[in-house]
Amino acid sequence: MHFLNNKEAKKFIEMLENQLKTKIKLDYYICSKENRFYLVSKEIAKINLDELNIKSIGLYIGKLDKKEFIISKEAAQLLNIEQI
């Protein structure tokens, strides 16, 4: 599990905004694992994750597939985006 740093998160959000043609403001950490992305509460910073055996964490928001982001239904609802 990899938490995106500020530069990576900004690039990710810009890609989403361009693809979805909407402005996105997130107050969450974004983490990724094998091209799958998750939103995680900033409260997670208070927990030492190194001592835990965690396979996944947070709300699954979608996956990156050939430079296109495929958004999950839950993320579309959270961001108030209509899916086709």
C-alpha atoms as a PDB file:
ATOM      1  CA  MET A   1       0.000   0.000   0.000  1.00  0.00           C
ATOM      2  CA  HIS A   2       1.453   3.343  -1.079  1.00  0.00           C
ATOM      3  CA  PHE A   3       0.181   6.717   0.130  1.00  0.00           C
ATOM      4  CA  LEU A   4       0.420   9.331  -2.612  1.00  0.00           C
ATOM      5  CA  ASN A   5       2.563  12.316  -1.687  1.00  0.00           C
ATOM      6  CA  ASN A   6       1.292  15.850  -2.381  1.00  0.00           C
ATOM      7  CA  LYS A   7       2.772  15.973  -5.890  1.00  0.00           C
ATOM      8  CA  GLU A   8       1.370  12.551  -6.848  1.00  0.00           C
ATOM      9  CA  ALA A   9      -2.047  13.363  -5.335  1.00  0.00           C
ATOM     10  CA  LYS A  10      -2.215  16.686  -7.189  1.00  0.00           C
ATOM     11  CA  LYS A  11      -1.380  14.968 -10.486  1.00  0.00           C
ATOM     12  CA  PHE A  12      -3.972  12.251  -9.788  1.00  0.00           C
ATOM     13  CA  ILE A  13      -6.701  14.794  -8.966  1.00  0.00           C
ATOM     14  CA  GLU A  14      -5.862  16.846 -12.093  1.00  0.00           C
ATOM     15  CA  MET A  15      -6.182  13.691 -14.214  1.00  0.00           C
ATOM     16  CA  LEU A  16      -9.585  12.965 -12.620  1.00  0.00           C
ATOM     17  CA  GLU A  17     -10.779  16.540 -13.105  1.00  0.00           C
ATOM     18  CA  ASN A  18      -9.796  16.477 -16.783  1.00  0.00           C
ATOM     19  CA  GLN A  19     -11.424  13.110 -17.381  1.00  0.00           C
ATOM     20  CA  LEU A  20     -14.617  13.859 -15.435  1.00  0.00           C
ATOM     21  CA  LYS A  21     -14.766  17.542 -16.427  1.00  0.00           C
ATOM     22  CA  THR A  22     -15.493  18.677 -12.874  1.00  0.00           C
ATOM     23  CA  LYS A  23     -13.635  20.226  -9.949  1.00  0.00           C
ATOM     24  CA  ILE A  24     -12.729  17.847  -7.130  1.00  0.00           C
ATOM     25  CA  LYS A  25     -11.762  18.820  -3.602  1.00  0.00           C
ATOM     26  CA  LEU A  26     -10.733  15.934  -1.385  1.00  0.00           C
ATOM     27  CA  ASP A  27      -9.956  16.121   2.299  1.00  0.00           C
ATOM     28  CA  TYR A  28      -8.623  12.570   2.383  1.00  0.00           C
ATOM     29  CA  TYR A  29      -5.368  10.788   1.771  1.00  0.00           C
ATOM     30  CA  ILE A  30      -5.173   8.826  -1.451  1.00  0.00           C
ATOM     31  CA  CYS A  31      -3.415   5.489  -1.455  1.00  0.00           C
ATOM     32  CA  SER A  32      -2.788   3.013  -4.212  1.00  0.00           C
ATOM     33  CA  LYS A  33      -2.001  -0.639  -4.646  1.00  0.00           C
ATOM     34  CA  GLU A  34      -1.484  -2.209  -8.075  1.00  0.00           C
ATOM     35  CA  ASN A  35      -3.310   0.599  -9.984  1.00  0.00           C
ATOM     36  CA  ARG A  36      -6.248   0.500  -7.554  1.00  0.00           C
ATOM     37  CA  PHE A  37      -6.943   3.661  -5.587  1.00  0.00           C
ATOM     38  CA  TYR A  38      -8.513   4.201  -2.178  1.00  0.00           C
ATOM     39  CA  LEU A  39      -9.612   7.220  -0.102  1.00  0.00           C
ATOM     40  CA  VAL A  40      -8.453   7.135   3.496  1.00  0.00           C
ATOM     41  CA  SER A  41      -9.318   9.463   6.370  1.00  0.00           C
ATOM     42  CA  LYS A  42      -6.483  11.707   7.505  1.00  0.00           C
ATOM     43  CA  GLU A  43      -6.971  10.187  10.980  1.00  0.00           C
ATOM     44  CA  ILE A  44      -4.989   7.187   9.672  1.00  0.00           C
ATOM     45  CA  ALA A  45      -1.802   9.190  10.259  1.00  0.00           C
ATOM     46  CA  LYS A  46      -2.278   8.585  13.999  1.00  0.00           C
ATOM     47  CA  ILE A  47      -1.883   4.808  13.564  1.00  0.00           C
ATOM     48  CA  ASN A  48       1.447   3.033  13.129  1.00  0.00           C
ATOM     49  CA  LEU A  49       0.636   0.871  10.092  1.00  0.00           C
ATOM     50  CA  ASP A  50       4.055  -0.796  10.045  1.00  0.00           C
ATOM     51  CA  GLU A  51       3.043  -3.036  12.939  1.00  0.00           C
ATOM     52  CA  LEU A  52      -0.224  -4.167  11.322  1.00  0.00           C
ATOM     53  CA  ASN A  53      -0.849  -6.770   8.644  1.00  0.00           C
ATOM     54  CA  ILE A  54      -3.141  -4.798   6.324  1.00  0.00           C
ATOM     55  CA  LYS A  55      -4.131  -5.951   2.832  1.00  0.00           C
ATOM     56  CA  SER A  56      -6.293  -2.940   1.992  1.00  0.00           C
ATOM     57  CA  ILE A  57      -7.533   0.188   3.687  1.00  0.00           C
ATOM     58  CA  GLY A  58     -10.067   2.885   2.915  1.00  0.00           C
ATOM     59  CA  LEU A  59     -12.851   3.292   0.373  1.00  0.00           C
ATOM     60  CA  TYR A  60     -12.102   1.839  -3.062  1.00  0.00           C
ATOM     61  CA  ILE A  61     -12.573   4.636  -5.623  1.00  0.00           C
ATOM     62  CA  GLY A  62     -11.457   2.955  -8.833  1.00  0.00           C
ATOM     63  CA  LYS A  63      -8.566   1.760 -10.938  1.00  0.00           C
ATOM     64  CA  LEU A  64      -6.230   3.188 -13.536  1.00  0.00           C
ATOM     65  CA  ASP A  65      -6.480   1.312 -16.826  1.00  0.00           C
ATOM     66  CA  LYS A  66      -4.332   2.446 -19.774  1.00  0.00           C
ATOM     67  CA  LYS A  67      -4.240   6.103 -18.637  1.00  0.00           C
ATOM     68  CA  GLU A  68      -7.999   6.190 -18.042  1.00  0.00           C
ATOM     69  CA  PHE A  69      -9.458   6.093 -14.562  1.00  0.00           C
ATOM     70  CA  ILE A  70     -12.425   3.772 -14.088  1.00  0.00           C
ATOM     71  CA  ILE A  71     -14.348   5.185 -11.161  1.00  0.00           C
ATOM     72  CA  SER A  72     -16.295   2.980  -8.733  1.00  0.00           C
ATOM     73  CA  LYS A  73     -19.996   3.480  -8.085  1.00  0.00           C
ATOM     74  CA  GLU A  74     -19.257   4.474  -4.491  1.00  0.00           C
ATOM     75  CA  ALA A  75     -16.757   7.140  -5.559  1.00  0.00           C
ATOM     76  CA  ALA A  76     -19.167   8.481  -8.182  1.00  0.00           C
ATOM     77  CA  GLN A  77     -21.808   8.852  -5.477  1.00  0.00           C
ATOM     78  CA  LEU A  78     -19.365  10.424  -3.030  1.00  0.00           C
ATOM     79  CA  LEU A  79     -18.150  12.925  -5.643  1.00  0.00           C
ATOM     80  CA  ASN A  80     -21.695  13.395  -7.004  1.00  0.00           C
ATOM     81  CA  ILE A  81     -20.756  12.255 -10.528  1.00  0.00           C
ATOM     82  CA  GLU A  82     -23.154  10.581 -12.934  1.00  0.00           C
ATOM     83  CA  GLN A  83     -21.897   7.417 -14.603  1.00  0.00           C
ATOM     84  CA  ILE A  84     -22.984   6.394 -18.073  1.00  0.00           C
END
